[in-house]
């Protein structure tokens, strides 16, 4: 599946970074590929944080925007949010 603008929502932010929510059936390995968020280049800025939810697996990861040339967006590999309860 490809990037879907309808699934990217700005949650909040400040002058030095925004927080976004993105839900997709794509794996984090797909979402963190350089260029995945190119269609959002006009919205995303370096250091923005995106909560990425893979609704198929399900998993949740935090990624941040590493670079944005205005046409090519690259995000970090992602930090998994643990979704288990050991007690």
N, C-alpha and C. Protein backbone atom coordinates (compact mmCIF):
# COMPACT_ATOMS: atom_id res chain seq x y z
N UNK A 1 0.85 -1.18 0.00
CA UNK A 1 0.00 0.00 0.00
C UNK A 1 0.89 1.24 0.00
N UNK A 2 0.39 2.33 -0.45
CA UNK A 2 1.15 3.57 -0.53
C UNK A 2 0.67 4.55 0.54
N UNK A 3 1.43 5.63 0.69
CA UNK A 3 1.07 6.70 1.62
C UNK A 3 -0.35 7.19 1.32
N UNK A 4 -1.11 7.45 2.37
CA UNK A 4 -2.46 7.99 2.24
C UNK A 4 -2.57 9.27 3.05
N UNK A 5 -2.77 10.38 2.37
CA UNK A 5 -2.87 11.68 3.04
C UNK A 5 -4.02 11.70 4.05
N UNK A 6 -5.06 10.95 3.79
CA UNK A 6 -6.22 10.92 4.69
C UNK A 6 -5.87 10.30 6.04
N UNK A 7 -4.77 9.55 6.11
CA UNK A 7 -4.40 8.87 7.35
C UNK A 7 -3.36 9.61 8.18
N UNK A 8 -2.92 10.78 7.71
CA UNK A 8 -1.94 11.58 8.45
C UNK A 8 -2.65 12.77 9.08
N UNK A 9 -2.59 12.85 10.41
CA UNK A 9 -3.28 13.90 11.14
C UNK A 9 -2.30 14.61 12.08
N UNK A 10 -2.30 15.93 12.05
CA UNK A 10 -1.49 16.69 12.99
C UNK A 10 -2.20 16.72 14.33
N UNK A 11 -1.50 16.28 15.36
CA UNK A 11 -2.07 16.25 16.71
C UNK A 11 -1.81 17.56 17.44
N UNK A 12 -0.62 18.12 17.23
CA UNK A 12 -0.27 19.37 17.89
C UNK A 12 1.16 19.73 17.58
N UNK A 13 1.62 20.79 18.21
CA UNK A 13 3.01 21.18 17.98
C UNK A 13 3.31 22.56 18.47
N UNK A 14 4.52 22.96 18.13
CA UNK A 14 5.03 24.27 18.53
C UNK A 14 5.94 24.76 17.41
N UNK A 15 6.64 25.85 17.66
CA UNK A 15 7.47 26.43 16.63
C UNK A 15 8.65 25.54 16.23
N UNK A 16 9.02 24.60 17.09
CA UNK A 16 10.19 23.75 16.78
C UNK A 16 9.82 22.30 16.49
N UNK A 17 8.58 22.00 16.22
CA UNK A 17 8.22 20.63 15.86
C UNK A 17 6.76 20.33 16.07
N UNK A 18 6.25 19.47 15.21
CA UNK A 18 4.86 19.03 15.30
C UNK A 18 4.79 17.55 15.64
N UNK A 19 3.66 17.15 16.18
CA UNK A 19 3.38 15.75 16.48
C UNK A 19 2.25 15.30 15.55
N UNK A 20 2.47 14.18 14.88
CA UNK A 20 1.53 13.66 13.89
C UNK A 20 1.11 12.25 14.26
N UNK A 21 -0.05 11.83 13.76
CA UNK A 21 -0.54 10.46 13.89
C UNK A 21 -0.76 9.93 12.48
N UNK A 22 -0.23 8.72 12.22
CA UNK A 22 -0.41 8.10 10.91
C UNK A 22 -0.78 6.64 11.10
N UNK A 23 -1.87 6.22 10.49
CA UNK A 23 -2.32 4.84 10.57
C UNK A 23 -2.37 4.24 9.17
N UNK A 24 -1.87 3.01 9.07
CA UNK A 24 -1.81 2.35 7.78
C UNK A 24 -1.71 0.84 7.98
N UNK A 25 -1.98 0.08 6.95
CA UNK A 25 -1.74 -1.36 7.01
C UNK A 25 -0.30 -1.67 6.60
N UNK A 26 0.46 -0.66 6.21
CA UNK A 26 1.87 -0.84 5.85
C UNK A 26 2.71 -1.12 7.08
N UNK A 27 3.73 -1.95 6.93
CA UNK A 27 4.66 -2.24 8.01
C UNK A 27 5.56 -1.04 8.24
N UNK A 28 6.22 -1.00 9.39
CA UNK A 28 7.16 0.09 9.67
C UNK A 28 8.31 0.07 8.67
N UNK A 29 8.70 -1.10 8.20
CA UNK A 29 9.77 -1.21 7.21
C UNK A 29 9.41 -0.50 5.90
N UNK A 30 8.13 -0.49 5.57
CA UNK A 30 7.66 0.22 4.39
C UNK A 30 7.56 1.71 4.67
N UNK A 31 6.96 2.06 5.79
CA UNK A 31 6.74 3.46 6.14
C UNK A 31 8.05 4.22 6.34
N UNK A 32 9.09 3.56 6.87
CA UNK A 32 10.33 4.29 7.13
C UNK A 32 11.26 4.35 5.92
N UNK A 33 10.80 3.89 4.78
CA UNK A 33 11.58 3.97 3.55
C UNK A 33 11.62 5.42 3.06
N UNK A 34 12.82 5.86 2.68
CA UNK A 34 12.94 7.23 2.15
C UNK A 34 11.97 7.42 1.00
N UNK A 35 11.22 8.50 1.06
CA UNK A 35 10.28 8.82 0.00
C UNK A 35 8.84 8.45 0.29
N UNK A 36 8.62 7.65 1.32
CA UNK A 36 7.24 7.22 1.62
C UNK A 36 6.33 8.43 1.86
N UNK A 37 6.83 9.43 2.58
CA UNK A 37 6.01 10.60 2.93
C UNK A 37 6.22 11.78 1.97
N UNK A 38 6.73 11.53 0.76
CA UNK A 38 6.99 12.62 -0.18
C UNK A 38 5.78 13.50 -0.44
N UNK A 39 4.60 12.90 -0.52
CA UNK A 39 3.40 13.69 -0.80
C UNK A 39 3.02 14.61 0.36
N UNK A 40 3.67 14.44 1.51
CA UNK A 40 3.43 15.31 2.67
C UNK A 40 4.60 16.26 2.90
N UNK A 41 5.47 16.39 1.92
CA UNK A 41 6.67 17.22 2.08
C UNK A 41 6.34 18.67 2.43
N UNK A 42 5.20 19.16 1.97
CA UNK A 42 4.82 20.54 2.26
C UNK A 42 4.29 20.71 3.69
N UNK A 43 4.06 19.59 4.40
CA UNK A 43 3.53 19.67 5.77
C UNK A 43 4.57 19.27 6.82
N UNK A 44 5.42 18.31 6.50
CA UNK A 44 6.36 17.76 7.47
C UNK A 44 7.66 18.55 7.50
N UNK A 45 8.19 18.73 8.69
CA UNK A 45 9.46 19.44 8.86
C UNK A 45 10.44 18.55 9.61
N UNK A 46 11.72 18.84 9.42
CA UNK A 46 12.76 18.11 10.15
C UNK A 46 12.49 18.23 11.64
N UNK A 47 12.59 17.11 12.35
CA UNK A 47 12.37 16.96 13.78
C UNK A 47 10.91 16.74 14.15
N UNK A 48 9.99 16.81 13.21
CA UNK A 48 8.61 16.43 13.51
C UNK A 48 8.60 14.97 13.93
N UNK A 49 7.68 14.61 14.81
CA UNK A 49 7.54 13.23 15.28
C UNK A 49 6.21 12.68 14.77
N UNK A 50 6.24 11.45 14.28
CA UNK A 50 5.04 10.80 13.77
C UNK A 50 4.80 9.51 14.55
N UNK A 51 3.61 9.37 15.11
CA UNK A 51 3.19 8.11 15.72
C UNK A 51 2.64 7.27 14.58
N UNK A 52 3.31 6.16 14.29
CA UNK A 52 2.92 5.31 13.16
C UNK A 52 2.27 4.03 13.69
N UNK A 53 1.02 3.82 13.32
CA UNK A 53 0.29 2.63 13.74
C UNK A 53 0.09 1.73 12.53
N UNK A 54 0.59 0.51 12.62
CA UNK A 54 0.33 -0.52 11.61
C UNK A 54 -0.91 -1.25 12.06
N UNK A 55 -2.02 -0.97 11.45
CA UNK A 55 -3.30 -1.54 11.88
C UNK A 55 -3.46 -3.00 11.47
N UNK A 56 -2.55 -3.49 10.67
CA UNK A 56 -2.61 -4.88 10.23
C UNK A 56 -1.94 -5.83 11.22
N UNK A 57 -0.81 -5.41 11.82
CA UNK A 57 -0.01 -6.31 12.65
C UNK A 57 -0.60 -6.57 14.02
N UNK A 58 -1.01 -5.74 14.87
CA UNK A 58 -0.82 -4.30 14.99
C UNK A 58 0.45 -3.96 15.78
N UNK A 59 1.11 -2.90 15.37
CA UNK A 59 2.27 -2.36 16.08
C UNK A 59 2.21 -0.84 16.04
N UNK A 60 2.93 -0.22 16.97
CA UNK A 60 3.02 1.24 17.01
C UNK A 60 4.48 1.62 17.13
N UNK A 61 4.91 2.60 16.34
CA UNK A 61 6.29 3.08 16.35
C UNK A 61 6.31 4.60 16.34
N UNK A 62 7.37 5.16 16.89
CA UNK A 62 7.62 6.59 16.79
C UNK A 62 8.73 6.80 15.77
N UNK A 63 8.50 7.66 14.79
CA UNK A 63 9.55 8.04 13.85
C UNK A 63 9.67 9.55 13.88
N UNK A 64 10.84 10.03 13.51
CA UNK A 64 11.00 11.47 13.37
C UNK A 64 11.53 11.78 11.98
N UNK A 65 11.21 12.97 11.50
CA UNK A 65 11.63 13.39 10.17
C UNK A 65 13.10 13.77 10.25
N UNK A 66 13.93 13.05 9.49
CA UNK A 66 15.38 13.30 9.48
C UNK A 66 15.76 14.34 8.44
N UNK A 67 15.08 14.31 7.30
CA UNK A 67 15.37 15.29 6.25
C UNK A 67 14.14 15.51 5.38
N UNK A 68 14.07 16.70 4.82
CA UNK A 68 12.99 17.06 3.90
C UNK A 68 13.55 18.10 2.94
N UNK A 69 13.76 17.69 1.69
CA UNK A 69 14.31 18.59 0.68
C UNK A 69 13.25 19.48 0.05
N UNK A 70 12.01 19.26 0.44
CA UNK A 70 10.89 19.94 -0.20
C UNK A 70 10.16 19.02 -1.16
N UNK A 71 10.85 17.96 -1.56
CA UNK A 71 10.23 16.95 -2.43
C UNK A 71 10.48 15.53 -1.92
N UNK A 72 11.58 15.32 -1.20
CA UNK A 72 11.92 13.99 -0.68
C UNK A 72 12.00 14.04 0.83
N UNK A 73 11.19 13.19 1.48
CA UNK A 73 11.14 13.12 2.94
C UNK A 73 11.75 11.80 3.40
N UNK A 74 12.62 11.86 4.40
CA UNK A 74 13.19 10.65 5.00
C UNK A 74 12.92 10.69 6.50
N UNK A 75 12.44 9.57 7.03
CA UNK A 75 12.17 9.46 8.46
C UNK A 75 13.08 8.39 9.07
N UNK A 76 13.18 8.42 10.39
CA UNK A 76 14.01 7.45 11.11
C UNK A 76 13.42 6.04 11.00
N UNK A 77 14.21 5.06 11.41
CA UNK A 77 13.78 3.66 11.34
C UNK A 77 12.57 3.37 12.21
N UNK A 78 12.43 4.10 13.30
CA UNK A 78 11.29 3.91 14.19
C UNK A 78 11.68 3.27 15.50
N UNK A 79 11.07 3.72 16.55
CA UNK A 79 11.23 3.15 17.88
C UNK A 79 9.91 2.52 18.27
N UNK A 80 9.95 1.21 18.51
CA UNK A 80 8.72 0.49 18.82
C UNK A 80 8.19 0.86 20.19
N UNK A 81 6.89 1.01 20.27
CA UNK A 81 6.20 1.18 21.54
C UNK A 81 5.71 -0.21 21.94
N UNK A 82 6.14 -0.66 23.10
CA UNK A 82 5.82 -2.01 23.54
C UNK A 82 4.32 -2.14 23.77
N UNK A 83 3.74 -3.18 23.21
CA UNK A 83 2.30 -3.40 23.33
C UNK A 83 2.02 -4.73 24.01
N UNK A 84 2.82 -5.00 25.04
CA UNK A 84 2.60 -6.21 25.82
C UNK A 84 2.44 -5.84 27.29
N UNK A 85 1.87 -6.74 28.04
CA UNK A 85 1.68 -6.54 29.46
C UNK A 85 2.13 -7.83 30.16
N UNK A 86 3.26 -7.73 30.86
CA UNK A 86 3.86 -8.91 31.44
C UNK A 86 3.32 -9.32 32.79
N UNK A 87 2.34 -8.63 33.33
CA UNK A 87 1.86 -9.01 34.67
C UNK A 87 0.62 -9.86 34.62
